[in-house]
């Protein structure tokens, strides 16, 4: 079950909330008016991770996460390797079953975007 991570940052991060369980993570980004700007759901953590990414300025994308070789002195860059992967009903059901603790407004918004992309 996805549970909200506590924020240990020295500054308030009211524009981002993270949820996590043993095999999935969710990051929500908010506008100043507290509406959802975007989100990322990562499935199969620590395995062959798949990511569903959405923001209000572009279409939703789903695919495998890959780590690219960074330039010297830089952190590893992660990106999607296949924007044309098929988001399945099984993945939607997996998220739906694990997202009971996410506030209803945000959960319903995410589920609607996911349903629209099946």
PDB file of N, CA and C in Angstrom:
ATOM      1  N   UNK A   1       0.846  -1.172   0.000  1.00  0.00           N
ATOM      2  CA  UNK A   1       0.000   0.000   0.000  1.00  0.00           C
ATOM      3  C   UNK A   1       0.893   1.236   0.000  1.00  0.00           C
ATOM      4  N   UNK A   2       0.635   2.155  -0.903  1.00  0.00           N
ATOM      5  CA  UNK A   2       1.417   3.389  -0.971  1.00  0.00           C
ATOM      6  C   UNK A   2       1.158   4.242   0.262  1.00  0.00           C
ATOM      7  N   UNK A   3       2.233   4.669   0.905  1.00  0.00           N
ATOM      8  CA  UNK A   3       2.129   5.533   2.091  1.00  0.00           C
ATOM      9  C   UNK A   3       2.953   6.791   1.867  1.00  0.00           C
ATOM     10  N   UNK A   4       2.468   7.890   2.399  1.00  0.00           N
ATOM     11  CA  UNK A   4       3.134   9.183   2.231  1.00  0.00           C
ATOM     12  C   UNK A   4       4.476   9.187   2.955  1.00  0.00           C
ATOM     13  N   UNK A   5       5.500   9.660   2.260  1.00  0.00           N
ATOM     14  CA  UNK A   5       6.812   9.805   2.879  1.00  0.00           C
ATOM     15  C   UNK A   5       6.857  11.099   3.664  1.00  0.00           C
ATOM     16  N   UNK A   6       7.485  11.062   4.818  1.00  0.00           N
ATOM     17  CA  UNK A   6       7.652  12.297   5.578  1.00  0.00           C
ATOM     18  C   UNK A   6       8.745  13.132   4.948  1.00  0.00           C
ATOM     19  N   UNK A   7       8.618  14.424   5.077  1.00  0.00           N
ATOM     20  CA  UNK A   7       9.568  15.356   4.483  1.00  0.00           C
ATOM     21  C   UNK A   7      10.606  15.749   5.535  1.00  0.00           C
ATOM     22  N   UNK A   8      11.867  15.399   5.282  1.00  0.00           N
ATOM     23  CA  UNK A   8      12.947  15.749   6.197  1.00  0.00           C
ATOM     24  C   UNK A   8      13.814  16.884   5.648  1.00  0.00           C
ATOM     25  N   UNK A   9      13.325  17.560   4.622  1.00  0.00           N
ATOM     26  CA  UNK A   9      14.081  18.658   4.026  1.00  0.00           C
ATOM     27  C   UNK A   9      14.081  19.864   4.963  1.00  0.00           C
ATOM     28  N   UNK A  10      15.098  20.675   4.842  1.00  0.00           N
ATOM     29  CA  UNK A  10      15.195  21.872   5.663  1.00  0.00           C
ATOM     30  C   UNK A  10      14.239  22.961   5.205  1.00  0.00           C
ATOM     31  N   UNK A  11      13.767  22.841   3.964  1.00  0.00           N
ATOM     32  CA  UNK A  11      12.791  23.802   3.452  1.00  0.00           C
ATOM     33  C   UNK A  11      11.474  23.084   3.176  1.00  0.00           C
ATOM     34  N   UNK A  12      10.385  23.802   3.241  1.00  0.00           N
ATOM     35  CA  UNK A  12       9.068  23.230   2.980  1.00  0.00           C
ATOM     36  C   UNK A  12       8.944  22.882   1.505  1.00  0.00           C
ATOM     37  N   UNK A  13       8.513  21.664   1.232  1.00  0.00           N
ATOM     38  CA  UNK A  13       8.318  21.241  -0.152  1.00  0.00           C
ATOM     39  C   UNK A  13       6.830  21.018  -0.409  1.00  0.00           C
ATOM     40  N   UNK A  14       6.041  22.081  -0.249  1.00  0.00           N
ATOM     41  CA  UNK A  14       4.601  21.986  -0.425  1.00  0.00           C
ATOM     42  C   UNK A  14       4.198  21.725  -1.867  1.00  0.00           C
ATOM     43  N   UNK A  15       5.131  21.893  -2.807  1.00  0.00           N
ATOM     44  CA  UNK A  15       4.802  21.681  -4.211  1.00  0.00           C
ATOM     45  C   UNK A  15       5.062  20.250  -4.673  1.00  0.00           C
ATOM     46  N   UNK A  16       5.529  19.364  -3.763  1.00  0.00           N
ATOM     47  CA  UNK A  16       5.812  17.976  -4.137  1.00  0.00           C
ATOM     48  C   UNK A  16       5.494  17.053  -2.956  1.00  0.00           C
ATOM     49  N   UNK A  17       4.817  15.939  -3.266  1.00  0.00           N
ATOM     50  CA  UNK A  17       4.499  14.927  -2.262  1.00  0.00           C
ATOM     51  C   UNK A  17       4.888  13.578  -2.843  1.00  0.00           C
ATOM     52  N   UNK A  18       5.470  12.733  -1.992  1.00  0.00           N
ATOM     53  CA  UNK A  18       5.883  11.397  -2.436  1.00  0.00           C
ATOM     54  C   UNK A  18       5.201  10.321  -1.609  1.00  0.00           C
ATOM     55  N   UNK A  19       4.852   9.232  -2.301  1.00  0.00           N
ATOM     56  CA  UNK A  19       4.270   8.040  -1.676  1.00  0.00           C
ATOM     57  C   UNK A  19       5.110   6.848  -2.118  1.00  0.00           C
ATOM     58  N   UNK A  20       5.197   5.829  -1.259  1.00  0.00           N
ATOM     59  CA  UNK A  20       6.076   4.704  -1.554  1.00  0.00           C
ATOM     60  C   UNK A  20       5.574   3.444  -0.877  1.00  0.00           C
ATOM     61  N   UNK A  21       5.774   2.311  -1.539  1.00  0.00           N
ATOM     62  CA  UNK A  21       5.652   1.013  -0.879  1.00  0.00           C
ATOM     63  C   UNK A  21       6.790   0.132  -1.393  1.00  0.00           C
ATOM     64  N   UNK A  22       6.702  -1.168  -1.193  1.00  0.00           N
ATOM     65  CA  UNK A  22       7.828  -2.029  -1.545  1.00  0.00           C
ATOM     66  C   UNK A  22       8.056  -2.206  -3.042  1.00  0.00           C
ATOM     67  N   UNK A  23       7.077  -1.892  -3.889  1.00  0.00           N
ATOM     68  CA  UNK A  23       7.268  -2.111  -5.318  1.00  0.00           C
ATOM     69  C   UNK A  23       6.801  -0.965  -6.207  1.00  0.00           C
ATOM     70  N   UNK A  24       6.361   0.141  -5.611  1.00  0.00           N
ATOM     71  CA  UNK A  24       5.811   1.250  -6.396  1.00  0.00           C
ATOM     72  C   UNK A  24       6.088   2.574  -5.689  1.00  0.00           C
ATOM     73  N   UNK A  25       6.275   3.620  -6.494  1.00  0.00           N
ATOM     74  CA  UNK A  25       6.377   4.960  -5.919  1.00  0.00           C
ATOM     75  C   UNK A  25       5.520   5.919  -6.734  1.00  0.00           C
ATOM     76  N   UNK A  26       5.072   6.962  -6.060  1.00  0.00           N
ATOM     77  CA  UNK A  26       4.285   8.011  -6.694  1.00  0.00           C
ATOM     78  C   UNK A  26       4.848   9.349  -6.245  1.00  0.00           C
ATOM     79  N   UNK A  27       5.107  10.221  -7.196  1.00  0.00           N
ATOM     80  CA  UNK A  27       5.474  11.601  -6.899  1.00  0.00           C
ATOM     81  C   UNK A  27       4.425  12.493  -7.536  1.00  0.00           C
ATOM     82  N   UNK A  28       3.867  13.397  -6.737  1.00  0.00           N
ATOM     83  CA  UNK A  28       2.880  14.376  -7.211  1.00  0.00           C
ATOM     84  C   UNK A  28       3.499  15.758  -7.147  1.00  0.00           C
ATOM     85  N   UNK A  29       3.339  16.553  -8.210  1.00  0.00           N
ATOM     86  CA  UNK A  29       3.771  17.953  -8.218  1.00  0.00           C
ATOM     87  C   UNK A  29       2.526  18.829  -8.281  1.00  0.00           C
ATOM     88  N   UNK A  30       2.537  19.930  -7.517  1.00  0.00           N
ATOM     89  CA  UNK A  30       1.373  20.797  -7.426  1.00  0.00           C
ATOM     90  C   UNK A  30       1.664  22.202  -7.923  1.00  0.00           C
ATOM     91  N   UNK A  31       0.626  22.846  -8.475  1.00  0.00           N
ATOM     92  CA  UNK A  31       0.671  24.263  -8.823  1.00  0.00           C
ATOM     93  C   UNK A  31       0.525  25.083  -7.546  1.00  0.00           C
ATOM     94  N   UNK A  32       0.690  26.394  -7.676  1.00  0.00           N
ATOM     95  CA  UNK A  32       0.531  27.283  -6.522  1.00  0.00           C
ATOM     96  C   UNK A  32      -0.879  27.241  -5.940  1.00  0.00           C
ATOM     97  N   UNK A  33      -1.874  26.950  -6.778  1.00  0.00           N
ATOM     98  CA  UNK A  33      -3.260  26.872  -6.290  1.00  0.00           C
ATOM     99  C   UNK A  33      -3.617  25.475  -5.765  1.00  0.00           C
ATOM    100  N   UNK A  34      -2.605  24.624  -5.573  1.00  0.00           N
ATOM    101  CA  UNK A  34      -2.727  23.286  -5.001  1.00  0.00           C
ATOM    102  C   UNK A  34      -3.437  22.295  -5.920  1.00  0.00           C
ATOM    103  N   UNK A  35      -3.496  22.573  -7.217  1.00  0.00           N
ATOM    104  CA  UNK A  35      -3.983  21.598  -8.181  1.00  0.00           C
ATOM    105  C   UNK A  35      -2.797  20.782  -8.685  1.00  0.00           C
ATOM    106  N   UNK A  36      -3.059  19.584  -9.171  1.00  0.00           N
ATOM    107  CA  UNK A  36      -1.989  18.702  -9.641  1.00  0.00           C
ATOM    108  C   UNK A  36      -1.419  19.237 -10.952  1.00  0.00           C
ATOM    109  N   UNK A  37      -0.115  19.475 -10.970  1.00  0.00           N
ATOM    110  CA  UNK A  37       0.588  19.872 -12.185  1.00  0.00           C
ATOM    111  C   UNK A  37       1.047  18.641 -12.952  1.00  0.00           C
ATOM    112  N   UNK A  38       1.488  17.625 -12.227  1.00  0.00           N
ATOM    113  CA  UNK A  38       1.967  16.413 -12.863  1.00  0.00           C
ATOM    114  C   UNK A  38       2.199  15.324 -11.835  1.00  0.00           C
ATOM    115  N   UNK A  39       2.468  14.121 -12.343  1.00  0.00           N
ATOM    116  CA  UNK A  39       2.778  13.009 -11.451  1.00  0.00           C
ATOM    117  C   UNK A  39       3.623  11.982 -12.177  1.00  0.00           C
ATOM    118  N   UNK A  40       4.298  11.151 -11.389  1.00  0.00           N
ATOM    119  CA  UNK A  40       5.059  10.022 -11.919  1.00  0.00           C
ATOM    120  C   UNK A  40       4.792   8.827 -11.026  1.00  0.00           C
ATOM    121  N   UNK A  41       4.372   7.722 -11.625  1.00  0.00           N
ATOM    122  CA  UNK A  41       4.210   6.461 -10.922  1.00  0.00           C
ATOM    123  C   UNK A  41       5.268   5.521 -11.462  1.00  0.00           C
ATOM    124  N   UNK A  42       6.091   4.968 -10.572  1.00  0.00           N
ATOM    125  CA  UNK A  42       7.110   3.999 -10.974  1.00  0.00           C
ATOM    126  C   UNK A  42       6.679   2.640 -10.444  1.00  0.00           C
ATOM    127  N   UNK A  43       6.535   1.686 -11.359  1.00  0.00           N
ATOM    128  CA  UNK A  43       6.168   0.316 -11.035  1.00  0.00           C
ATOM    129  C   UNK A  43       7.425  -0.543 -10.975  1.00  0.00           C
ATOM    130  N   UNK A  44       7.370  -1.651 -10.259  1.00  0.00           N
ATOM    131  CA  UNK A  44       8.461  -2.634 -10.183  1.00  0.00           C
ATOM    132  C   UNK A  44       9.771  -2.010  -9.712  1.00  0.00           C
ATOM    133  N   UNK A  45       9.715  -1.302  -8.594  1.00  0.00           N
ATOM    134  CA  UNK A  45      10.922  -0.671  -8.049  1.00  0.00           C
ATOM    135  C   UNK A  45      12.034  -1.696  -7.884  1.00  0.00           C
ATOM    136  N   UNK A  46      13.242  -1.283  -8.214  1.00  0.00           N
ATOM    137  CA  UNK A  46      14.468  -2.065  -8.082  1.00  0.00           C
ATOM    138  C   UNK A  46      14.536  -3.269  -9.009  1.00  0.00           C
ATOM    139  N   UNK A  47      13.584  -3.410  -9.893  1.00  0.00           N
ATOM    140  CA  UNK A  47      13.628  -4.469 -10.895  1.00  0.00           C
ATOM    141  C   UNK A  47      13.775  -3.800 -12.254  1.00  0.00           C
ATOM    142  N   UNK A  48      12.968  -4.173 -13.202  1.00  0.00           N
ATOM    143  CA  UNK A  48      12.926  -3.509 -14.510  1.00  0.00           C
ATOM    144  C   UNK A  48      11.852  -2.442 -14.416  1.00  0.00           C
ATOM    145  N   UNK A  49      12.212  -1.285 -13.848  1.00  0.00           N
ATOM    146  CA  UNK A  49      11.246  -0.239 -13.531  1.00  0.00           C
ATOM    147  C   UNK A  49      10.533   0.280 -14.773  1.00  0.00           C
ATOM    148  N   UNK A  50       9.237   0.461 -14.621  1.00  0.00           N
ATOM    149  CA  UNK A  50       8.397   1.093 -15.649  1.00  0.00           C
ATOM    150  C   UNK A  50       7.801   2.346 -15.029  1.00  0.00           C
ATOM    151  N   UNK A  51       7.664   3.383 -15.834  1.00  0.00           N
ATOM    152  CA  UNK A  51       7.201   4.660 -15.316  1.00  0.00           C
ATOM    153  C   UNK A  51       6.044   5.195 -16.145  1.00  0.00           C
ATOM    154  N   UNK A  52       5.032   5.709 -15.449  1.00  0.00           N
ATOM    155  CA  UNK A  52       3.919   6.423 -16.075  1.00  0.00           C
ATOM    156  C   UNK A  52       4.078   7.871 -15.654  1.00  0.00           C
ATOM    157  N   UNK A  53       4.309   8.746 -16.629  1.00  0.00           N
ATOM    158  CA  UNK A  53       4.595  10.159 -16.348  1.00  0.00           C
ATOM    159  C   UNK A  53       3.543  11.029 -17.030  1.00  0.00           C
ATOM    160  N   UNK A  54       3.066  12.027 -16.285  1.00  0.00           N
ATOM    161  CA  UNK A  54       2.081  12.955 -16.834  1.00  0.00           C
ATOM    162  C   UNK A  54       2.361  14.351 -16.285  1.00  0.00           C
ATOM    163  N   UNK A  55       2.202  15.363 -17.145  1.00  0.00           N
ATOM    164  CA  UNK A  55       2.102  16.747 -16.674  1.00  0.00           C
ATOM    165  C   UNK A  55       1.141  17.482 -17.590  1.00  0.00           C
ATOM    166  N   UNK A  56       0.618  18.589 -17.107  1.00  0.00           N
ATOM    167  CA  UNK A  56      -0.457  19.278 -17.828  1.00  0.00           C
ATOM    168  C   UNK A  56      -0.010  19.844 -19.173  1.00  0.00           C
ATOM    169  N   UNK A  57       1.290  19.954 -19.402  1.00  0.00           N
ATOM    170  CA  UNK A  57       1.789  20.552 -20.640  1.00  0.00           C
ATOM    171  C   UNK A  57       2.129  19.543 -21.726  1.00  0.00           C
ATOM    172  N   UNK A  58       1.984  18.245 -21.447  1.00  0.00           N
ATOM    173  CA  UNK A  58       2.299  17.244 -22.467  1.00  0.00           C
ATOM    174  C   UNK A  58       1.445  16.003 -22.257  1.00  0.00           C
ATOM    175  N   UNK A  59       1.502  15.116 -23.199  1.00  0.00           N
ATOM    176  CA  UNK A  59       0.716  13.892 -23.104  1.00  0.00           C
ATOM    177  C   UNK A  59       1.341  12.940 -22.079  1.00  0.00           C
ATOM    178  N   UNK A  60       0.559  11.995 -21.599  1.00  0.00           N
ATOM    179  CA  UNK A  60       1.061  10.981 -20.680  1.00  0.00           C
ATOM    180  C   UNK A  60       1.987  10.038 -21.447  1.00  0.00           C
ATOM    181  N   UNK A  61       3.002   9.547 -20.740  1.00  0.00           N
ATOM    182  CA  UNK A  61       3.962   8.617 -21.346  1.00  0.00           C
ATOM    183  C   UNK A  61       4.169   7.439 -20.407  1.00  0.00           C
ATOM    184  N   UNK A  62       4.432   6.267 -20.994  1.00  0.00           N
ATOM    185  CA  UNK A  62       4.670   5.060 -20.216  1.00  0.00           C
ATOM    186  C   UNK A  62       5.799   4.287 -20.871  1.00  0.00           C
ATOM    187  N   UNK A  63       6.745   3.825 -20.084  1.00  0.00           N
ATOM    188  CA  UNK A  63       7.836   3.045 -20.636  1.00  0.00           C
ATOM    189  C   UNK A  63       8.817   2.598 -19.579  1.00  0.00           C
ATOM    190  N   UNK A  64       9.861   1.889 -20.020  1.00  0.00           N
ATOM    191  CA  UNK A  64      10.898   1.396 -19.119  1.00  0.00           C
ATOM    192  C   UNK A  64      11.853   2.512 -18.756  1.00  0.00           C
ATOM    193  N   UNK A  65      12.297   2.512 -17.509  1.00  0.00           N
ATOM    194  CA  UNK A  65      13.287   3.475 -17.052  1.00  0.00           C
ATOM    195  C   UNK A  65      14.677   2.940 -17.371  1.00  0.00           C
ATOM    196  N   UNK A  66      15.518   3.786 -17.933  1.00  0.00           N
ATOM    197  CA  UNK A  66      16.906   3.405 -18.187  1.00  0.00           C
ATOM    198  C   UNK A  66      17.821   4.459 -17.591  1.00  0.00           C
ATOM    199  N   UNK A  67      19.026   4.027 -17.247  1.00  0.00           N
ATOM    200  CA  UNK A  67      20.030   4.955 -16.752  1.00  0.00           C
ATOM    201  C   UNK A  67      21.019   5.208 -17.870  1.00  0.00           C
ATOM    202  N   UNK A  68      21.215   6.455 -18.174  1.00  0.00           N
ATOM    203  CA  UNK A  68      22.151   6.834 -19.227  1.00  0.00           C
ATOM    204  C   UNK A  68      23.500   7.157 -18.615  1.00  0.00           C
ATOM    205  N   UNK A  69      24.541   6.969 -19.385  1.00  0.00           N
ATOM    206  CA  UNK A  69      25.871   7.309 -18.902  1.00  0.00           C
ATOM    207  C   UNK A  69      25.995   8.816 -18.773  1.00  0.00           C
ATOM    208  N   UNK A  70      26.289   9.269 -17.581  1.00  0.00           N
ATOM    209  CA  UNK A  70      26.404  10.720 -17.396  1.00  0.00           C
ATOM    210  C   UNK A  70      27.764  11.235 -17.850  1.00  0.00           C
ATOM    211  N   UNK A  71      27.812  12.519 -18.075  1.00  0.00           N
ATOM    212  CA  UNK A  71      29.103  13.145 -18.328  1.00  0.00           C
ATOM    213  C   UNK A  71      29.892  13.160 -17.030  1.00  0.00           C
ATOM    214  N   UNK A  72      31.192  13.261 -17.121  1.00  0.00           N
ATOM    215  CA  UNK A  72      32.056  13.234 -15.949  1.00  0.00           C
ATOM    216  C   UNK A  72      31.601  14.273 -14.922  1.00  0.00           C
ATOM    217  N   UNK A  73      31.483  13.833 -13.674  1.00  0.00           N
ATOM    218  CA  UNK A  73      31.111  14.739 -12.599  1.00  0.00           C
ATOM    219  C   UNK A  73      29.620  14.969 -12.440  1.00  0.00           C
ATOM    220  N   UNK A  74      28.800  14.294 -13.222  1.00  0.00           N
ATOM    221  CA  UNK A  74      27.349  14.479 -13.154  1.00  0.00           C
ATOM    222  C   UNK A  74      26.682  13.242 -12.579  1.00  0.00           C
ATOM    223  N   UNK A  75      25.493  13.436 -12.013  1.00  0.00           N
ATOM    224  CA  UNK A  75      24.703  12.312 -11.525  1.00  0.00           C
ATOM    225  C   UNK A  75      24.158  11.511 -12.693  1.00  0.00           C
ATOM    226  N   UNK A  76      23.779  10.272 -12.416  1.00  0.00           N
ATOM    227  CA  UNK A  76      23.198   9.417 -13.441  1.00  0.00           C
ATOM    228  C   UNK A  76      21.870  10.018 -13.895  1.00  0.00           C
ATOM    229  N   UNK A  77      21.667  10.035 -15.200  1.00  0.00           N
ATOM    230  CA  UNK A  77      20.424  10.553 -15.767  1.00  0.00           C
ATOM    231  C   UNK A  77      19.507   9.376 -16.070  1.00  0.00           C
ATOM    232  N   UNK A  78      18.237   9.498 -15.688  1.00  0.00           N
ATOM    233  CA  UNK A  78      17.261   8.449 -15.959  1.00  0.00           C
ATOM    234  C   UNK A  78      16.226   8.979 -16.944  1.00  0.00           C
ATOM    235  N   UNK A  79      15.830   8.116 -17.858  1.00  0.00           N
ATOM    236  CA  UNK A  79      14.827   8.515 -18.828  1.00  0.00           C
ATOM    237  C   UNK A  79      14.018   7.298 -19.263  1.00  0.00           C
ATOM    238  N   UNK A  80      12.971   7.545 -20.035  1.00  0.00           N
ATOM    239  CA  UNK A  80      12.165   6.458 -20.590  1.00  0.00           C
ATOM    240  C   UNK A  80      12.808   5.981 -21.871  1.00  0.00           C
ATOM    241  N   UNK A  81      12.916   4.662 -22.052  1.00  0.00           N
ATOM    242  CA  UNK A  81      13.526   4.169 -23.283  1.00  0.00           C
ATOM    243  C   UNK A  81      12.503   3.841 -24.358  1.00  0.00           C
ATOM    244  N   UNK A  82      11.210   3.811 -24.002  1.00  0.00           N
ATOM    245  CA  UNK A  82      10.208   3.452 -24.998  1.00  0.00           C
ATOM    246  C   UNK A  82       8.919   4.209 -24.715  1.00  0.00           C
ATOM    247  N   UNK A  83       8.687   5.289 -25.446  1.00  0.00           N
ATOM    248  CA  UNK A  83       7.476   6.084 -25.230  1.00  0.00           C
ATOM    249  C   UNK A  83       6.247   5.392 -25.784  1.00  0.00           C
ATOM    250  N   UNK A  84       6.425   4.309 -26.526  1.00  0.00           N
ATOM    251  CA  UNK A  84       5.289   3.639 -27.148  1.00  0.00           C
ATOM    252  C   UNK A  84       4.893   2.356 -26.429  1.00  0.00           C
ATOM    253  N   UNK A  85       5.395   2.122 -25.222  1.00  0.00           N
ATOM    254  CA  UNK A  85       4.988   0.941 -24.471  1.00  0.00           C
ATOM    255  C   UNK A  85       3.495   1.039 -24.161  1.00  0.00           C
ATOM    256  N   UNK A  86       2.857  -0.089 -24.023  1.00  0.00           N
ATOM    257  CA  UNK A  86       1.413  -0.129 -23.810  1.00  0.00           C
ATOM    258  C   UNK A  86       1.123  -0.154 -22.314  1.00  0.00           C
ATOM    259  N   UNK A  87       0.362   0.831 -21.851  1.00  0.00           N
ATOM    260  CA  UNK A  87      -0.095   0.857 -20.472  1.00  0.00           C
ATOM    261  C   UNK A  87      -1.314  -0.038 -20.380  1.00  0.00           C
ATOM    262  N   UNK A  88      -1.278  -1.016 -19.476  1.00  0.00           N
ATOM    263  CA  UNK A  88      -2.308  -2.050 -19.439  1.00  0.00           C
ATOM    264  C   UNK A  88      -3.300  -1.859 -18.293  1.00  0.00           C
ATOM    265  N   UNK A  89      -4.421  -2.534 -18.417  1.00  0.00           N
ATOM    266  CA  UNK A  89      -5.428  -2.539 -17.370  1.00  0.00           C
ATOM    267  C   UNK A  89      -4.871  -3.157 -16.084  1.00  0.00           C
ATOM    268  N   UNK A  90      -3.974  -4.133 -16.227  1.00  0.00           N
ATOM    269  CA  UNK A  90      -3.351  -4.750 -15.047  1.00  0.00           C
ATOM    270  C   UNK A  90      -2.550  -3.731 -14.245  1.00  0.00           C
ATOM    271  N   UNK A  91      -1.823  -2.848 -14.938  1.00  0.00           N
ATOM    272  CA  UNK A  91      -1.069  -1.802 -14.245  1.00  0.00           C
ATOM    273  C   UNK A  91      -2.009  -0.812 -13.563  1.00  0.00           C
ATOM    274  N   UNK A  92      -3.091  -0.448 -14.240  1.00  0.00           N
ATOM    275  CA  UNK A  92      -4.066   0.453 -13.634  1.00  0.00           C
ATOM    276  C   UNK A  92      -4.642  -0.177 -12.367  1.00  0.00           C
ATOM    277  N   UNK A  93      -5.009  -1.458 -12.431  1.00  0.00           N
ATOM    278  CA  UNK A  93      -5.559  -2.146 -11.265  1.00  0.00           C
ATOM    279  C   UNK A  93      -4.534  -2.244 -10.145  1.00  0.00           C
ATOM    280  N   UNK A  94      -3.284  -2.470 -10.492  1.00  0.00           N
ATOM    281  CA  UNK A  94      -2.217  -2.519  -9.494  1.00  0.00           C
ATOM    282  C   UNK A  94      -2.119  -1.189  -8.747  1.00  0.00           C
ATOM    283  N   UNK A  95      -2.127  -0.080  -9.492  1.00  0.00           N
ATOM    284  CA  UNK A  95      -2.083   1.234  -8.850  1.00  0.00           C
ATOM    285  C   UNK A  95      -3.343   1.464  -8.016  1.00  0.00           C
ATOM    286  N   UNK A  96      -4.488   1.137  -8.571  1.00  0.00           N
ATOM    287  CA  UNK A  96      -5.749   1.365  -7.868  1.00  0.00           C
ATOM    288  C   UNK A  96      -5.786   0.616  -6.533  1.00  0.00           C
ATOM    289  N   UNK A  97      -5.294  -0.601  -6.515  1.00  0.00           N
ATOM    290  CA  UNK A  97      -5.297  -1.407  -5.293  1.00  0.00           C
ATOM    291  C   UNK A  97      -4.322  -0.887  -4.239  1.00  0.00           C
ATOM    292  N   UNK A  98      -3.251  -0.234  -4.666  1.00  0.00           N
ATOM    293  CA  UNK A  98      -2.232   0.227  -3.720  1.00  0.00           C
ATOM    294  C   UNK A  98      -2.373   1.690  -3.338  1.00  0.00           C
ATOM    295  N   UNK A  99      -3.357   2.382  -3.871  1.00  0.00           N
ATOM    296  CA  UNK A  99      -3.441   3.833  -3.677  1.00  0.00           C
ATOM    297  C   UNK A  99      -4.564   4.269  -2.740  1.00  0.00           C
ATOM    298  N   UNK A 100      -4.976   3.409  -1.859  1.00  0.00           N
ATOM    299  CA  UNK A 100      -6.104   3.713  -0.961  1.00  0.00           C
ATOM    300  C   UNK A 100      -5.820   4.878  -0.016  1.00  0.00           C
ATOM    301  N   UNK A 101      -4.547   5.134   0.335  1.00  0.00           N
ATOM    302  CA  UNK A 101      -4.204   6.200   1.284  1.00  0.00           C
ATOM    303  C   UNK A 101      -3.946   7.552   0.625  1.00  0.00           C
ATOM    304  N   UNK A 102      -4.019   7.607  -0.685  1.00  0.00           N
ATOM    305  CA  UNK A 102      -3.825   8.871  -1.395  1.00  0.00           C
ATOM    306  C   UNK A 102      -5.145   9.646  -1.327  1.00  0.00           C
ATOM    307  N   UNK A 103      -5.101  10.956  -1.077  1.00  0.00           N
ATOM    308  CA  UNK A 103      -6.352  11.731  -1.020  1.00  0.00           C
ATOM    309  C   UNK A 103      -7.219  11.504  -2.259  1.00  0.00           C
ATOM    310  N   UNK A 104      -8.517  11.411  -2.045  1.00  0.00           N
ATOM    311  CA  UNK A 104      -9.466  11.056  -3.105  1.00  0.00           C
ATOM    312  C   UNK A 104      -9.341  11.935  -4.347  1.00  0.00           C
ATOM    313  N   UNK A 105      -9.237  13.225  -4.161  1.00  0.00           N
ATOM    314  CA  UNK A 105      -9.164  14.151  -5.300  1.00  0.00           C
ATOM    315  C   UNK A 105      -7.967  13.814  -6.198  1.00  0.00           C
ATOM    316  N   UNK A 106      -6.793  13.636  -5.609  1.00  0.00           N
ATOM    317  CA  UNK A 106      -5.595  13.323  -6.376  1.00  0.00           C
ATOM    318  C   UNK A 106      -5.663  11.916  -6.961  1.00  0.00           C
ATOM    319  N   UNK A 107      -6.149  10.970  -6.173  1.00  0.00           N
ATOM    320  CA  UNK A 107      -6.252   9.580  -6.638  1.00  0.00           C
ATOM    321  C   UNK A 107      -7.188   9.482  -7.842  1.00  0.00           C
ATOM    322  N   UNK A 108      -8.346  10.109  -7.763  1.00  0.00           N
ATOM    323  CA  UNK A 108      -9.304  10.082  -8.877  1.00  0.00           C
ATOM    324  C   UNK A 108      -8.715  10.735 -10.123  1.00  0.00           C
ATOM    325  N   UNK A 109      -7.959  11.825  -9.957  1.00  0.00           N
ATOM    326  CA  UNK A 109      -7.327  12.501 -11.084  1.00  0.00           C
ATOM    327  C   UNK A 109      -6.329  11.558 -11.774  1.00  0.00           C
ATOM    328  N   UNK A 110      -5.490  10.904 -10.991  1.00  0.00           N
ATOM    329  CA  UNK A 110      -4.490   9.978 -11.548  1.00  0.00           C
ATOM    330  C   UNK A 110      -5.176   8.817 -12.267  1.00  0.00           C
ATOM    331  N   UNK A 111      -6.169   8.244 -11.632  1.00  0.00           N
ATOM    332  CA  UNK A 111      -6.877   7.104 -12.246  1.00  0.00           C
ATOM    333  C   UNK A 111      -7.557   7.500 -13.551  1.00  0.00           C
ATOM    334  N   UNK A 112      -8.109   8.716 -13.621  1.00  0.00           N
ATOM    335  CA  UNK A 112      -8.734   9.173 -14.860  1.00  0.00           C
ATOM    336  C   UNK A 112      -7.699   9.286 -15.977  1.00  0.00           C
ATOM    337  N   UNK A 113      -6.539   9.875 -15.681  1.00  0.00           N
ATOM    338  CA  UNK A 113      -5.480   9.988 -16.693  1.00  0.00           C
ATOM    339  C   UNK A 113      -5.025   8.608 -17.138  1.00  0.00           C
ATOM    340  N   UNK A 114      -4.860   7.694 -16.191  1.00  0.00           N
ATOM    341  CA  UNK A 114      -4.444   6.337 -16.541  1.00  0.00           C
ATOM    342  C   UNK A 114      -5.492   5.644 -17.410  1.00  0.00           C
ATOM    343  N   UNK A 115      -6.760   5.765 -17.037  1.00  0.00           N
ATOM    344  CA  UNK A 115      -7.833   5.136 -17.839  1.00  0.00           C
ATOM    345  C   UNK A 115      -7.860   5.690 -19.266  1.00  0.00           C
ATOM    346  N   UNK A 116      -7.623   6.977 -19.388  1.00  0.00           N
ATOM    347  CA  UNK A 116      -7.616   7.611 -20.713  1.00  0.00           C
ATOM    348  C   UNK A 116      -6.465   7.120 -21.590  1.00  0.00           C
ATOM    349  N   UNK A 117      -5.485   6.460 -20.983  1.00  0.00           N
ATOM    350  CA  UNK A 117      -4.302   6.024 -21.737  1.00  0.00           C
ATOM    351  C   UNK A 117      -4.218   4.510 -21.911  1.00  0.00           C
ATOM    352  N   UNK A 118      -5.316   3.835 -21.665  1.00  0.00           N
ATOM    353  CA  UNK A 118      -5.351   2.370 -21.909  1.00  0.00           C
ATOM    354  C   UNK A 118      -5.828   2.134 -23.323  1.00  0.00           C
TER     355      UNK A 118
END
